[in-house]
Amino acid sequence: MIVVDSSVWVEALRRADSEEAEALGPLLDDDQIALVAPVRLELLLGATRRQAPRLRKLLSALPCWLPARDDWQIAESWVEPALRAGQRFGFADLLIAAMASCHRASIWSNDRDFRRMERLGLVELYHP
């Protein structure tokens, strides 16, 4: 499974001819995509009133993972190693990464923070 971060979703939804949109379509058709609750909320919060109903319908077709105790514990366990390496991450990105890790999923993101997490060995990124 692949957890798609909001940075990829936003680009795909803005431009149907984008690389993200072209790569995302087949993955959605093959049921390869999982949505995590923090990304779902980020997307819905960024939608206009007009876009929100259509977006909610699109997202409801995907499996949505909610944070569990293990996800929070993993995220917290990564704080100290990240700080020792001189890295800081936003809590939402850290939670998204922990949720992907717990489900043995890779992350597809255009966000540099996830690349830094990958260099620390915390996550596996998906490269289309």
Foldseek 3Di string as FASTA:
>chain_A
DEEEALQLVVVCVVDVPDPSNVVVVVCVVVLNYAYEVLRLVVVLVPDDPVCNVVSVVVNVVHHYHYDDPQLVVLLVVVPVVCVVVVHDDDSSVSSSLSVCVVVVHAYEHPDVNVVVCVVSVSGHHDDD
